[in-house]
């Protein structure tokens, strides 16, 4: 059985009705149709070490995509506190009233040899706010990685969940892994539909009632 990490349950992902102006976008994508796999899983552009890769939207807003770092603890905790109880349940698969400091520190201090974590930052506010997180945790013995994706409610329906998942798949392939997988509530139909479009398969998680395990062979 695939090993489960302490924090790597799949959080809610949203449907992709993108208004994101991004190099992956095509006319078909902007019309609500998923791009071909050659585009979805193309090699990701290099993310700079400062603000990160800018992502601009048709409504004028902008986010920056970059790797997570130790200085992101406060922003991660603020992001958690903006989540509704229902959002927390759908993302963590159980209730949590707060994000404990040790857990927040751990999530921001990754081991690059077995972890990757990207964040979406809104630099228009001071301090900058974290609006999304995507991460993988590698099981080297199994040649696989468990993934999780979180997008804050105010930034849904922009294709950001799909964007983060693209980067994580690309990272897994660059590592030479054979599978990327995770958990999602069976009630979360938008997430399940997105993963289906990206080629993931699903099966019920026997040890987690109401939860599906989704996976993609790389």
N, C-alpha and C. Protein backbone atom coordinates (compact mmCIF):
# COMPACT_ATOMS: atom_id res chain seq x y z
N UNK A 1 0.85 -1.20 0.00
CA UNK A 1 0.00 0.00 0.00
C UNK A 1 0.88 1.24 0.00
N UNK A 2 0.46 2.26 -0.66
CA UNK A 2 1.22 3.49 -0.71
C UNK A 2 1.23 4.13 0.67
N UNK A 3 2.42 4.63 1.05
CA UNK A 3 2.56 5.23 2.37
C UNK A 3 1.89 6.60 2.41
N UNK A 4 1.27 6.92 3.52
CA UNK A 4 0.57 8.18 3.68
C UNK A 4 1.38 9.11 4.57
N UNK A 5 1.58 10.34 4.18
CA UNK A 5 2.35 11.28 4.97
C UNK A 5 1.48 11.94 6.01
N UNK A 6 2.13 12.70 6.91
CA UNK A 6 1.40 13.32 8.01
C UNK A 6 0.53 14.48 7.54
N UNK A 7 0.85 15.09 6.41
CA UNK A 7 0.08 16.25 5.99
C UNK A 7 -0.36 16.18 4.56
N UNK A 8 -0.04 15.11 3.86
CA UNK A 8 -0.22 15.12 2.43
C UNK A 8 -1.56 14.64 1.91
N UNK A 9 -2.66 14.95 2.54
CA UNK A 9 -3.97 14.61 2.00
C UNK A 9 -4.35 15.65 0.97
N UNK A 10 -5.04 15.21 -0.03
CA UNK A 10 -5.41 16.14 -1.10
C UNK A 10 -6.42 17.14 -0.60
N UNK A 11 -6.12 18.40 -0.78
CA UNK A 11 -7.05 19.47 -0.44
C UNK A 11 -7.91 19.77 -1.64
N UNK A 12 -8.97 20.50 -1.41
CA UNK A 12 -9.92 20.80 -2.48
C UNK A 12 -9.27 21.50 -3.64
N UNK A 13 -9.57 21.04 -4.83
CA UNK A 13 -9.14 21.72 -6.03
C UNK A 13 -10.37 22.13 -6.81
N UNK A 14 -10.23 23.16 -7.58
CA UNK A 14 -11.37 23.77 -8.23
C UNK A 14 -11.41 23.45 -9.69
N UNK A 15 -12.58 23.74 -10.29
CA UNK A 15 -12.68 23.49 -11.71
C UNK A 15 -11.89 24.54 -12.46
N UNK A 16 -11.63 24.29 -13.73
CA UNK A 16 -10.74 25.14 -14.49
C UNK A 16 -11.52 25.88 -15.56
N UNK A 17 -12.01 27.04 -15.19
CA UNK A 17 -12.62 27.95 -16.13
C UNK A 17 -11.69 29.15 -16.17
N UNK A 18 -10.53 29.02 -16.83
CA UNK A 18 -9.44 29.94 -16.61
C UNK A 18 -9.62 31.30 -17.25
N UNK A 19 -9.25 32.32 -16.47
CA UNK A 19 -9.07 33.64 -17.02
C UNK A 19 -7.63 34.06 -16.77
N UNK A 20 -6.79 33.06 -16.50
CA UNK A 20 -5.38 33.29 -16.23
C UNK A 20 -4.62 33.49 -17.52
N UNK A 21 -3.88 34.58 -17.62
CA UNK A 21 -3.06 34.83 -18.79
C UNK A 21 -1.68 34.26 -18.50
N UNK A 22 -1.40 33.10 -19.04
CA UNK A 22 -0.20 32.35 -18.69
C UNK A 22 0.33 31.67 -19.94
N UNK A 23 1.66 31.43 -20.01
CA UNK A 23 2.22 30.80 -21.21
C UNK A 23 1.58 29.48 -21.60
N UNK A 24 0.99 28.72 -20.64
CA UNK A 24 0.36 27.45 -20.98
C UNK A 24 -0.97 27.65 -21.69
N UNK A 25 -1.57 28.84 -21.52
CA UNK A 25 -2.91 29.06 -22.03
C UNK A 25 -2.94 29.06 -23.55
N UNK A 26 -4.03 28.56 -24.09
CA UNK A 26 -4.28 28.61 -25.53
C UNK A 26 -5.69 29.11 -25.72
N UNK A 27 -6.11 29.33 -26.95
CA UNK A 27 -7.48 29.76 -27.19
C UNK A 27 -8.46 28.76 -26.64
N UNK A 28 -8.18 27.46 -26.83
CA UNK A 28 -9.09 26.43 -26.32
C UNK A 28 -9.19 26.49 -24.82
N UNK A 29 -8.04 26.75 -24.11
CA UNK A 29 -8.07 26.82 -22.66
C UNK A 29 -8.94 27.96 -22.19
N UNK A 30 -8.83 29.11 -22.82
CA UNK A 30 -9.61 30.26 -22.39
C UNK A 30 -11.09 30.06 -22.64
N UNK A 31 -11.45 29.15 -23.55
CA UNK A 31 -12.85 28.85 -23.82
C UNK A 31 -13.37 27.77 -22.87
N UNK A 32 -12.51 27.33 -21.92
CA UNK A 32 -12.96 26.36 -20.93
C UNK A 32 -12.62 24.93 -21.29
N UNK A 33 -11.87 24.70 -22.38
CA UNK A 33 -11.47 23.36 -22.78
C UNK A 33 -10.05 23.10 -22.29
N UNK A 34 -9.76 21.89 -21.76
CA UNK A 34 -8.42 21.62 -21.27
C UNK A 34 -7.42 21.56 -22.42
N UNK A 35 -6.20 22.09 -22.22
CA UNK A 35 -5.18 22.02 -23.26
C UNK A 35 -4.70 20.59 -23.42
N UNK A 36 -4.05 20.26 -24.54
CA UNK A 36 -3.54 18.91 -24.74
C UNK A 36 -2.48 18.57 -23.72
N UNK A 37 -2.25 17.26 -23.52
CA UNK A 37 -1.29 16.83 -22.51
C UNK A 37 0.11 17.34 -22.79
N UNK A 38 0.46 17.51 -24.06
CA UNK A 38 1.79 18.02 -24.40
C UNK A 38 2.00 19.43 -23.88
N UNK A 39 0.90 20.16 -23.72
CA UNK A 39 0.98 21.51 -23.17
C UNK A 39 0.84 21.48 -21.66
N UNK A 40 -0.13 20.70 -21.15
CA UNK A 40 -0.36 20.65 -19.71
C UNK A 40 0.88 20.20 -18.97
N UNK A 41 1.61 19.23 -19.53
CA UNK A 41 2.74 18.66 -18.83
C UNK A 41 4.07 19.03 -19.48
N UNK A 42 4.09 20.18 -20.16
CA UNK A 42 5.34 20.67 -20.73
C UNK A 42 6.27 21.07 -19.61
N UNK A 43 7.57 21.18 -19.92
CA UNK A 43 8.54 21.56 -18.91
C UNK A 43 8.22 22.94 -18.37
N UNK A 44 8.19 23.07 -17.05
CA UNK A 44 7.81 24.34 -16.43
C UNK A 44 8.91 25.38 -16.58
N UNK A 45 8.52 26.65 -16.83
CA UNK A 45 9.50 27.72 -16.87
C UNK A 45 10.21 27.85 -15.52
N UNK A 46 11.43 28.34 -15.54
CA UNK A 46 12.18 28.52 -14.31
C UNK A 46 11.55 29.62 -13.46
N UNK A 47 11.40 29.34 -12.18
CA UNK A 47 10.84 30.32 -11.25
C UNK A 47 11.99 31.08 -10.61
N UNK A 48 11.96 32.39 -10.66
CA UNK A 48 13.06 33.20 -10.13
C UNK A 48 13.10 33.10 -8.62
N UNK A 49 14.25 33.48 -8.05
CA UNK A 49 14.45 33.35 -6.62
C UNK A 49 13.91 34.53 -5.84
N UNK A 50 13.42 35.59 -6.51
CA UNK A 50 12.92 36.75 -5.79
C UNK A 50 11.42 36.64 -5.60
N UNK A 51 10.65 37.44 -6.33
CA UNK A 51 9.19 37.39 -6.20
C UNK A 51 8.62 36.14 -6.83
N UNK A 52 9.29 35.59 -7.82
CA UNK A 52 8.80 34.42 -8.50
C UNK A 52 8.26 34.75 -9.88
N UNK A 53 7.61 33.78 -10.47
CA UNK A 53 7.04 33.92 -11.81
C UNK A 53 5.72 34.67 -11.75
N UNK A 54 5.58 35.79 -12.46
CA UNK A 54 4.32 36.54 -12.40
C UNK A 54 3.21 35.85 -13.17
N UNK A 55 2.02 35.84 -12.61
CA UNK A 55 0.83 35.30 -13.24
C UNK A 55 -0.21 36.42 -13.26
N UNK A 56 -0.57 36.88 -14.44
CA UNK A 56 -1.49 38.00 -14.56
C UNK A 56 -2.86 37.52 -15.03
N UNK A 57 -3.90 38.19 -14.54
CA UNK A 57 -5.26 37.78 -14.80
C UNK A 57 -6.02 38.86 -15.56
N UNK A 58 -7.08 38.45 -16.23
CA UNK A 58 -7.85 39.38 -17.05
C UNK A 58 -8.52 40.47 -16.21
N UNK A 59 -8.74 40.22 -14.91
CA UNK A 59 -9.36 41.24 -14.06
C UNK A 59 -8.35 42.22 -13.48
N UNK A 60 -7.08 42.10 -13.90
CA UNK A 60 -6.06 43.03 -13.46
C UNK A 60 -5.24 42.56 -12.27
N UNK A 61 -5.67 41.49 -11.62
CA UNK A 61 -4.92 41.00 -10.47
C UNK A 61 -3.68 40.24 -10.91
N UNK A 62 -2.77 40.05 -9.97
CA UNK A 62 -1.51 39.38 -10.27
C UNK A 62 -1.06 38.57 -9.06
N UNK A 63 -0.55 37.39 -9.31
CA UNK A 63 0.09 36.56 -8.30
C UNK A 63 1.50 36.22 -8.75
N UNK A 64 2.31 35.74 -7.81
CA UNK A 64 3.65 35.28 -8.14
C UNK A 64 3.80 33.84 -7.67
N UNK A 65 4.29 33.00 -8.56
CA UNK A 65 4.53 31.59 -8.27
C UNK A 65 6.00 31.39 -7.95
N UNK A 66 6.28 30.78 -6.80
CA UNK A 66 7.66 30.51 -6.41
C UNK A 66 7.69 29.34 -5.44
N UNK A 67 8.90 28.91 -5.09
CA UNK A 67 9.05 27.84 -4.11
C UNK A 67 8.79 28.38 -2.71
N UNK A 68 8.29 27.52 -1.84
CA UNK A 68 8.05 27.91 -0.47
C UNK A 68 9.38 28.07 0.26
N UNK A 69 9.38 28.86 1.33
CA UNK A 69 10.60 29.07 2.10
C UNK A 69 10.32 29.25 3.58
N UNK A 70 11.36 29.21 4.40
CA UNK A 70 11.20 29.33 5.86
C UNK A 70 10.53 30.62 6.30
N UNK A 71 10.63 31.69 5.51
CA UNK A 71 10.04 32.97 5.88
C UNK A 71 8.53 33.03 5.59
N UNK A 72 7.96 31.95 5.07
CA UNK A 72 6.54 31.94 4.68
C UNK A 72 5.62 31.45 5.79
N UNK A 73 6.15 31.18 6.98
CA UNK A 73 5.35 30.60 8.05
C UNK A 73 4.16 31.49 8.41
N UNK A 74 4.40 32.77 8.62
CA UNK A 74 3.31 33.67 9.01
C UNK A 74 2.24 33.75 7.93
N UNK A 75 2.67 33.83 6.66
CA UNK A 75 1.71 33.91 5.56
C UNK A 75 0.90 32.63 5.45
N UNK A 76 1.53 31.48 5.69
CA UNK A 76 0.81 30.21 5.65
C UNK A 76 -0.24 30.15 6.74
N UNK A 77 0.09 30.61 7.93
CA UNK A 77 -0.87 30.59 9.04
C UNK A 77 -2.02 31.56 8.79
N UNK A 78 -1.73 32.72 8.20
CA UNK A 78 -2.81 33.66 7.88
C UNK A 78 -3.74 33.07 6.82
N UNK A 79 -3.15 32.38 5.86
CA UNK A 79 -3.95 31.72 4.82
C UNK A 79 -4.88 30.69 5.46
N UNK A 80 -4.37 29.90 6.38
CA UNK A 80 -5.19 28.90 7.05
C UNK A 80 -6.36 29.54 7.79
N UNK A 81 -6.10 30.65 8.49
CA UNK A 81 -7.14 31.29 9.28
C UNK A 81 -8.23 31.92 8.41
N UNK A 82 -7.94 32.16 7.13
CA UNK A 82 -8.97 32.69 6.25
C UNK A 82 -9.89 31.60 5.71
N UNK A 83 -9.53 30.34 5.90
CA UNK A 83 -10.35 29.24 5.42
C UNK A 83 -11.57 29.05 6.31
N UNK A 84 -12.70 28.74 5.70
CA UNK A 84 -13.91 28.42 6.46
C UNK A 84 -13.77 27.01 7.03
N UNK A 85 -14.56 26.67 8.08
CA UNK A 85 -14.51 25.30 8.61
C UNK A 85 -14.77 24.24 7.52
N UNK A 86 -15.68 24.53 6.60
CA UNK A 86 -15.96 23.59 5.52
C UNK A 86 -14.76 23.46 4.60
N UNK A 87 -14.09 24.58 4.29
CA UNK A 87 -12.89 24.53 3.47
C UNK A 87 -11.81 23.68 4.13
N UNK A 88 -11.66 23.86 5.44
CA UNK A 88 -10.65 23.08 6.17
C UNK A 88 -10.97 21.60 6.08
N UNK A 89 -12.24 21.24 6.28
CA UNK A 89 -12.62 19.83 6.22
C UNK A 89 -12.38 19.25 4.84
N UNK A 90 -12.72 20.01 3.80
CA UNK A 90 -12.55 19.50 2.44
C UNK A 90 -11.07 19.40 2.06
N UNK A 91 -10.25 20.25 2.64
CA UNK A 91 -8.85 20.25 2.27
C UNK A 91 -8.02 19.28 3.11
N UNK A 92 -8.31 19.20 4.43
CA UNK A 92 -7.54 18.33 5.31
C UNK A 92 -8.24 17.01 5.59
N UNK A 93 -9.49 16.87 5.16
CA UNK A 93 -10.30 15.67 5.38
C UNK A 93 -10.69 15.47 6.83
N UNK A 94 -10.44 16.46 7.66
CA UNK A 94 -10.91 16.43 9.05
C UNK A 94 -10.88 17.85 9.59
N UNK A 95 -11.53 18.07 10.73
CA UNK A 95 -11.61 19.41 11.30
C UNK A 95 -10.30 19.81 11.95
N UNK A 96 -9.93 21.07 11.76
CA UNK A 96 -8.77 21.66 12.42
C UNK A 96 -9.11 23.11 12.74
N UNK A 97 -8.96 23.49 14.00
CA UNK A 97 -9.29 24.86 14.40
C UNK A 97 -8.13 25.82 14.19
N UNK A 98 -6.93 25.28 14.12
CA UNK A 98 -5.75 26.11 13.90
C UNK A 98 -4.64 25.28 13.28
N UNK A 99 -3.68 25.96 12.71
CA UNK A 99 -2.50 25.31 12.17
C UNK A 99 -1.39 25.45 13.20
N UNK A 100 -1.03 24.38 13.88
CA UNK A 100 -0.03 24.48 14.95
C UNK A 100 1.31 25.03 14.42
N UNK A 101 1.97 25.80 15.25
CA UNK A 101 3.24 26.41 14.86
C UNK A 101 4.26 25.37 14.38
N UNK A 102 4.45 24.25 15.10
CA UNK A 102 5.43 23.25 14.62
C UNK A 102 5.08 22.71 13.24
N UNK A 103 3.79 22.52 12.97
CA UNK A 103 3.38 22.02 11.66
C UNK A 103 3.62 23.07 10.59
N UNK A 104 3.30 24.34 10.90
CA UNK A 104 3.54 25.41 9.94
C UNK A 104 5.03 25.54 9.63
N UNK A 105 5.85 25.45 10.66
CA UNK A 105 7.30 25.51 10.45
C UNK A 105 7.77 24.36 9.56
N UNK A 106 7.24 23.17 9.83
CA UNK A 106 7.65 21.99 9.05
C UNK A 106 7.23 22.12 7.60
N UNK A 107 6.03 22.64 7.35
CA UNK A 107 5.53 22.76 5.99
C UNK A 107 6.33 23.78 5.17
N UNK A 108 6.94 24.73 5.85
CA UNK A 108 7.71 25.77 5.15
C UNK A 108 9.20 25.45 5.07
N UNK A 109 9.65 24.46 5.80
CA UNK A 109 11.06 24.07 5.79
C UNK A 109 11.18 22.67 5.19
N UNK A 110 11.08 22.61 3.88
CA UNK A 110 11.04 21.32 3.21
C UNK A 110 12.44 20.76 2.97
N UNK A 111 12.49 19.48 2.76
CA UNK A 111 13.72 18.79 2.36
C UNK A 111 13.66 18.63 0.84
N UNK A 112 14.41 19.41 0.07
CA UNK A 112 14.31 19.37 -1.38
C UNK A 112 14.60 18.01 -2.00
N UNK A 113 15.30 17.16 -1.26
CA UNK A 113 15.62 15.85 -1.83
C UNK A 113 14.38 14.96 -1.95
N UNK A 114 13.37 15.22 -1.12
CA UNK A 114 12.16 14.39 -1.15
C UNK A 114 10.88 15.23 -1.18
N UNK A 115 11.00 16.54 -1.27
CA UNK A 115 9.81 17.39 -1.27
C UNK A 115 9.95 18.53 -2.28
N UNK A 116 8.81 18.95 -2.81
CA UNK A 116 8.71 20.17 -3.60
C UNK A 116 7.44 20.88 -3.13
N UNK A 117 7.52 22.19 -2.98
CA UNK A 117 6.33 22.96 -2.59
C UNK A 117 6.37 24.31 -3.27
N UNK A 118 5.30 24.62 -4.01
CA UNK A 118 5.14 25.91 -4.67
C UNK A 118 4.05 26.71 -3.95
N UNK A 119 4.23 28.02 -3.90
CA UNK A 119 3.22 28.90 -3.33
C UNK A 119 2.83 29.96 -4.34
N UNK A 120 1.59 30.42 -4.23
CA UNK A 120 1.08 31.53 -5.02
C UNK A 120 0.93 32.72 -4.07
N UNK A 121 1.68 33.79 -4.33
CA UNK A 121 1.73 34.92 -3.42
C UNK A 121 1.13 36.18 -4.05
N UNK A 122 0.33 36.87 -3.25
CA UNK A 122 -0.21 38.17 -3.64
C UNK A 122 0.70 39.23 -3.06
N UNK A 123 1.55 39.81 -3.91
CA UNK A 123 2.52 40.80 -3.47
C UNK A 123 1.95 42.21 -3.46
N UNK A 124 0.67 42.37 -3.81
CA UNK A 124 0.06 43.70 -3.82
C UNK A 124 -0.31 44.17 -2.43
N UNK A 125 -0.27 43.26 -1.45
CA UNK A 125 -0.57 43.61 -0.07
C UNK A 125 0.71 43.57 0.75
N UNK A 126 0.72 44.26 1.86
CA UNK A 126 1.85 44.26 2.79
C UNK A 126 1.35 43.89 4.18
N UNK A 127 1.77 42.74 4.71
CA UNK A 127 2.69 41.79 4.09
C UNK A 127 2.03 41.01 2.95
N UNK A 128 2.84 40.38 2.12
CA UNK A 128 2.32 39.58 1.02
C UNK A 128 1.51 38.41 1.59
N UNK A 129 0.44 38.06 0.87
CA UNK A 129 -0.44 36.99 1.32
C UNK A 129 -0.31 35.75 0.44
N UNK A 130 -0.36 34.58 1.08
CA UNK A 130 -0.32 33.31 0.39
C UNK A 130 -1.73 32.94 -0.03
N UNK A 131 -1.92 32.66 -1.32
CA UNK A 131 -3.26 32.36 -1.85
C UNK A 131 -3.39 30.93 -2.34
N UNK A 132 -2.30 30.20 -2.41
CA UNK A 132 -2.36 28.82 -2.87
C UNK A 132 -1.06 28.10 -2.58
N UNK A 133 -1.15 26.78 -2.42
CA UNK A 133 0.02 25.94 -2.15
C UNK A 133 -0.15 24.62 -2.88
N UNK A 134 0.92 24.15 -3.50
CA UNK A 134 0.94 22.82 -4.10
C UNK A 134 2.23 22.13 -3.70
N UNK A 135 2.14 20.88 -3.28
CA UNK A 135 3.34 20.20 -2.80
C UNK A 135 3.30 18.71 -3.11
N UNK A 136 4.47 18.12 -3.13
CA UNK A 136 4.60 16.67 -3.21
C UNK A 136 5.53 16.20 -2.11
N UNK A 137 5.30 14.97 -1.67
CA UNK A 137 6.19 14.29 -0.73
C UNK A 137 6.56 12.95 -1.36
N UNK A 138 7.83 12.74 -1.58
CA UNK A 138 8.31 11.59 -2.34
C UNK A 138 8.53 10.38 -1.44
N UNK A 139 8.03 9.23 -1.89
CA UNK A 139 8.33 7.94 -1.28
C UNK A 139 9.35 7.27 -2.20
N UNK A 140 10.62 7.40 -1.85
CA UNK A 140 11.68 6.91 -2.73
C UNK A 140 11.62 5.40 -2.93
N UNK A 141 11.22 4.67 -1.89
CA UNK A 141 11.18 3.21 -2.00
C UNK A 141 10.12 2.75 -2.99
N UNK A 142 9.03 3.54 -3.11
CA UNK A 142 7.95 3.17 -4.03
C UNK A 142 8.07 3.87 -5.37
N UNK A 143 8.98 4.84 -5.49
CA UNK A 143 9.11 5.58 -6.74
C UNK A 143 7.90 6.43 -7.04
N UNK A 144 7.21 6.91 -5.99
CA UNK A 144 5.99 7.69 -6.17
C UNK A 144 6.02 8.92 -5.28
N UNK A 145 5.03 9.79 -5.47
CA UNK A 145 4.92 10.98 -4.64
C UNK A 145 3.45 11.25 -4.35
N UNK A 146 3.17 11.62 -3.11
CA UNK A 146 1.83 12.05 -2.72
C UNK A 146 1.75 13.56 -2.92
N UNK A 147 0.65 14.04 -3.49
CA UNK A 147 0.52 15.47 -3.73
C UNK A 147 -0.65 16.06 -2.99
N UNK A 148 -0.60 17.37 -2.80
CA UNK A 148 -1.72 18.12 -2.24
C UNK A 148 -1.73 19.49 -2.87
N UNK A 149 -2.91 20.04 -3.03
CA UNK A 149 -3.09 21.37 -3.63
C UNK A 149 -4.15 22.12 -2.84
N UNK A 150 -3.86 23.37 -2.53
CA UNK A 150 -4.79 24.24 -1.83
C UNK A 150 -4.88 25.58 -2.55
N UNK A 151 -6.09 26.02 -2.86
CA UNK A 151 -6.33 27.34 -3.45
C UNK A 151 -7.34 28.06 -2.58
N UNK A 152 -7.01 29.29 -2.16
CA UNK A 152 -7.94 30.07 -1.35
C UNK A 152 -9.18 30.44 -2.17
N UNK A 153 -10.33 30.53 -1.49
CA UNK A 153 -11.61 30.69 -2.16
C UNK A 153 -11.64 31.90 -3.10
N UNK A 154 -11.05 33.01 -2.69
CA UNK A 154 -11.09 34.22 -3.52
C UNK A 154 -10.34 34.07 -4.84
N UNK A 155 -9.56 33.01 -4.98
CA UNK A 155 -8.76 32.81 -6.20
C UNK A 155 -9.17 31.55 -6.95
N UNK A 156 -10.38 31.06 -6.69
CA UNK A 156 -10.87 29.88 -7.39
C UNK A 156 -11.34 30.25 -8.80
N UNK A 157 -11.56 29.23 -9.61
CA UNK A 157 -12.08 29.35 -10.97
C UNK A 157 -11.17 30.17 -11.89
N UNK A 158 -9.87 30.10 -11.61
CA UNK A 158 -8.89 30.77 -12.46
C UNK A 158 -7.89 29.79 -13.07
N UNK A 159 -8.10 28.50 -12.86
CA UNK A 159 -7.19 27.51 -13.41
C UNK A 159 -5.93 27.30 -12.58
N UNK A 160 -5.89 27.86 -11.36
CA UNK A 160 -4.67 27.78 -10.56
C UNK A 160 -4.42 26.38 -10.00
N UNK A 161 -5.51 25.66 -9.68
CA UNK A 161 -5.33 24.29 -9.22
C UNK A 161 -4.67 23.44 -10.29
N UNK A 162 -5.14 23.60 -11.54
CA UNK A 162 -4.55 22.85 -12.65
C UNK A 162 -3.10 23.27 -12.89
N UNK A 163 -2.83 24.56 -12.75
CA UNK A 163 -1.46 25.05 -12.95
C UNK A 163 -0.50 24.44 -11.94
N UNK A 164 -0.90 24.45 -10.66
CA UNK A 164 -0.03 23.86 -9.65
C UNK A 164 0.16 22.36 -9.89
N UNK A 165 -0.90 21.68 -10.25
CA UNK A 165 -0.79 20.25 -10.50
C UNK A 165 0.14 19.98 -11.68
N UNK A 166 0.08 20.82 -12.70
CA UNK A 166 1.00 20.67 -13.84
C UNK A 166 2.45 20.72 -13.37
N UNK A 167 2.75 21.69 -12.53
CA UNK A 167 4.13 21.85 -12.05
C UNK A 167 4.57 20.65 -11.21
N UNK A 168 3.66 20.12 -10.41
CA UNK A 168 4.00 18.98 -9.57
C UNK A 168 4.23 17.72 -10.41
N UNK A 169 3.39 17.52 -11.42
CA UNK A 169 3.59 16.38 -12.33
C UNK A 169 4.93 16.51 -13.03
N UNK A 170 5.24 17.71 -13.49
CA UNK A 170 6.51 17.96 -14.18
C UNK A 170 7.68 17.66 -13.25
N UNK A 171 7.57 18.06 -11.99
CA UNK A 171 8.62 17.82 -11.01
C UNK A 171 8.81 16.32 -10.77
N UNK A 172 7.70 15.60 -10.65
CA UNK A 172 7.79 14.15 -10.45
C UNK A 172 8.48 13.47 -11.61
N UNK A 173 8.16 13.88 -12.82
CA UNK A 173 8.80 13.30 -14.00
C UNK A 173 10.28 13.63 -14.03
N UNK A 174 10.64 14.85 -13.64
CA UNK A 174 12.05 15.23 -13.62
C UNK A 174 12.82 14.41 -12.59
N UNK A 175 12.14 13.98 -11.54
CA UNK A 175 12.77 13.14 -10.51
C UNK A 175 12.85 11.68 -10.92
N UNK A 176 12.20 11.32 -12.02
CA UNK A 176 12.21 9.94 -12.47
C UNK A 176 11.21 9.05 -11.73
N UNK A 177 10.19 9.65 -11.12
CA UNK A 177 9.18 8.88 -10.41
C UNK A 177 8.21 8.23 -11.39
N UNK A 178 7.52 7.22 -10.93
CA UNK A 178 6.59 6.49 -11.80
C UNK A 178 5.12 6.78 -11.51
N UNK A 179 4.84 7.47 -10.39
CA UNK A 179 3.44 7.70 -10.03
C UNK A 179 3.32 8.94 -9.14
N UNK A 180 2.23 9.68 -9.33
CA UNK A 180 1.85 10.75 -8.43
C UNK A 180 0.43 10.45 -7.98
N UNK A 181 0.13 10.60 -6.69
CA UNK A 181 -1.15 10.17 -6.17
C UNK A 181 -1.57 11.05 -5.00
N UNK A 182 -2.84 10.92 -4.60
CA UNK A 182 -3.34 11.66 -3.45
C UNK A 182 -4.75 11.26 -3.10
N UNK A 183 -5.31 11.91 -2.09
CA UNK A 183 -6.65 11.63 -1.62
C UNK A 183 -7.58 12.81 -1.91
N UNK A 184 -8.85 12.51 -2.17
CA UNK A 184 -9.85 13.56 -2.37
C UNK A 184 -11.21 13.02 -1.91
N UNK A 185 -12.01 13.89 -1.31
CA UNK A 185 -13.35 13.48 -0.90
C UNK A 185 -14.19 13.16 -2.13
N UNK A 186 -14.98 12.10 -2.06
CA UNK A 186 -15.80 11.70 -3.21
C UNK A 186 -16.86 12.74 -3.54
N UNK A 187 -17.21 13.59 -2.56
CA UNK A 187 -18.19 14.64 -2.80
C UNK A 187 -17.60 15.81 -3.59
N UNK A 188 -16.30 15.84 -3.71
CA UNK A 188 -15.62 16.96 -4.36
C UNK A 188 -15.55 16.70 -5.87
N UNK A 189 -16.68 16.87 -6.54
CA UNK A 189 -16.78 16.52 -7.95
C UNK A 189 -15.89 17.37 -8.86
N UNK A 190 -15.76 18.69 -8.61
CA UNK A 190 -14.86 19.47 -9.48
C UNK A 190 -13.43 18.95 -9.48
N UNK A 191 -12.94 18.56 -8.29
CA UNK A 191 -11.58 18.02 -8.20
C UNK A 191 -11.48 16.70 -8.95
N UNK A 192 -12.45 15.85 -8.76
CA UNK A 192 -12.42 14.55 -9.43
C UNK A 192 -12.50 14.71 -10.95
N UNK A 193 -13.30 15.68 -11.41
CA UNK A 193 -13.42 15.91 -12.84
C UNK A 193 -12.11 16.44 -13.41
N UNK A 194 -11.48 17.36 -12.69
CA UNK A 194 -10.20 17.90 -13.15
C UNK A 194 -9.16 16.80 -13.28
N UNK A 195 -9.06 15.96 -12.25
CA UNK A 195 -8.08 14.88 -12.29
C UNK A 195 -8.38 13.89 -13.41
N UNK A 196 -9.66 13.66 -13.69
CA UNK A 196 -10.03 12.78 -14.79
C UNK A 196 -9.54 13.37 -16.12
N UNK A 197 -9.71 14.69 -16.28
CA UNK A 197 -9.25 15.34 -17.51
C UNK A 197 -7.74 15.27 -17.66
N UNK A 198 -7.04 15.22 -16.54
CA UNK A 198 -5.57 15.16 -16.57
C UNK A 198 -5.05 13.73 -16.66
N UNK A 199 -5.97 12.75 -16.72
CA UNK A 199 -5.55 11.37 -16.90
C UNK A 199 -5.43 10.55 -15.64
N UNK A 200 -5.83 11.10 -14.49
CA UNK A 200 -5.77 10.35 -13.24
C UNK A 200 -6.86 9.28 -13.21
N UNK A 201 -6.59 8.21 -12.52
CA UNK A 201 -7.59 7.18 -12.24
C UNK A 201 -7.95 7.25 -10.77
N UNK A 202 -9.09 6.67 -10.40
CA UNK A 202 -9.55 6.74 -9.02
C UNK A 202 -10.02 5.40 -8.53
N UNK A 203 -9.89 5.21 -7.22
CA UNK A 203 -10.45 4.05 -6.55
C UNK A 203 -10.77 4.47 -5.12
N UNK A 204 -11.72 3.79 -4.50
CA UNK A 204 -12.09 4.12 -3.14
C UNK A 204 -10.96 3.77 -2.17
N UNK A 205 -10.72 4.65 -1.21
CA UNK A 205 -9.73 4.39 -0.17
C UNK A 205 -10.40 3.58 0.93
N UNK A 206 -10.00 2.34 1.07
CA UNK A 206 -10.65 1.43 2.01
C UNK A 206 -10.58 1.93 3.44
N UNK A 207 -9.45 2.53 3.81
CA UNK A 207 -9.26 2.98 5.19
C UNK A 207 -9.83 4.37 5.45
N UNK A 208 -10.42 5.02 4.43
CA UNK A 208 -10.96 6.37 4.58
C UNK A 208 -12.35 6.43 3.94
N UNK A 209 -13.41 6.17 4.69
CA UNK A 209 -14.77 6.21 4.12
C UNK A 209 -15.07 7.58 3.51
N UNK A 210 -15.68 7.56 2.34
CA UNK A 210 -16.02 8.80 1.66
C UNK A 210 -14.85 9.45 0.95
N UNK A 211 -13.76 8.74 0.83
CA UNK A 211 -12.54 9.29 0.23
C UNK A 211 -12.08 8.43 -0.92
N UNK A 212 -11.64 9.06 -1.99
CA UNK A 212 -11.08 8.35 -3.13
C UNK A 212 -9.57 8.57 -3.19
N UNK A 213 -8.87 7.57 -3.65
CA UNK A 213 -7.44 7.72 -3.92
C UNK A 213 -7.28 7.85 -5.43
N UNK A 214 -6.66 8.93 -5.85
CA UNK A 214 -6.46 9.19 -7.27
C UNK A 214 -4.98 9.10 -7.59
N UNK A 215 -4.68 8.61 -8.79
CA UNK A 215 -3.27 8.41 -9.13
C UNK A 215 -3.08 8.58 -10.64
N UNK A 216 -1.86 8.96 -10.99
CA UNK A 216 -1.47 9.12 -12.38
C UNK A 216 -0.14 8.41 -12.58
N UNK A 217 -0.12 7.48 -13.53
CA UNK A 217 1.13 6.81 -13.89
C UNK A 217 1.93 7.73 -14.80
N UNK A 218 3.21 7.92 -14.48
CA UNK A 218 4.04 8.87 -15.19
C UNK A 218 4.91 8.19 -16.25
